[in-house]
Amino acid sequence: MKASVPVLLFLAAILVPSQADAIINGYSELKVDFTSPTNASEKATWADPAKLVISGSGLGWDGNPQHSHDAWIQTKPIAVGLWWRAPSAVSVRVAIYPRIEGALYARYSPDLKHWSSWQALQGSSAQSLDERKNPGTFYDSMIAIPGRERADFDRLRSEYSRLDVPWASNEEAAVHWILSRDPDYFAKHIPFIGYVEVLFEGSLHGGERIRSLSVEVSYSMSGMSTVPKDEASRNYQDHSRWRFGTIDPLKAEPDGAANGSQPIRSETNPTSEAAGSRR
């Protein structure tokens, strides 16, 4: 006897695991405008503010063009990934206008407290039409965490997913669970990238000024995600960035989602192809 379509759909629903295989592509962007004191101070810090000052022309100092002054600029943390999952690899592209000689570094953190060492980024050429029209200095590099460094976190995350929790794929909640057992875990392991900071070092001649610094952090996460068990956990379609370290765990929901807390956001919020993945 041939089964009816409704019966086949019902059987498919109960036989197929409650997981979604998907790919999440996204990016976070930070633009520092050094012609605006308010914008610049909100998004970056820099060396010797008494010497290097902001004007309508940018960040620099007035003096003899034959003399130079050492300078560094460090961005505020840029949150990446999604609030319930963070990537293990990112691509970082930086544009500095106008063209300024120097070196660029990046570092990453899972919680805004424990950071990797600074890693040098490679210089790059102009890529977009806008970059070709506006001479600047460009950097472009990939930052990735070795599998060996991620292995212990993946083991613990898998252990957490087998517990009776509202949402087995919620890595924010898994982090809370891991730290409840080992508060110093991130002092020993940095297994994913939740935040990125960029550091520029160079020298500015008298009258030479930096107008802007732009950072774009892109990432791709793929894999599987379970469906949340309860309605309270089903805000996984919220595309807020990774936020661990910015919320009070005492105010968090049982699955780790915070009530009304705001993640550290970049100027442009990335979009994702789907709301479920495994990197």
Foldseek 3Di string as FASTA:
>chain_A
DDDDPVVVVVVCVVVDAQKDWFKWKWKAKAKAFQLDPVRNVVWKDKPDCVAFDGHNVGTDHADALVDKDKMKMKTDKAFADFQQDFAQKKKKKKWWPAAADWWKWKWFAQAVPFIDDTDTFAWDQDDDPVCVVHHTTMTIDMDGDDPVLQVVVVVQLVVQLPDPAQFSSRVLLSVVVVCVVPVCVRVPGGNGGGIMMMMIIHMGGRPDHIRMMMMMMIDMFTAMTGQGNDPVPRPLQPRAGHAHNQDDQVQADRSNHHDPTHGDHHPDGIGTPDSTGGD
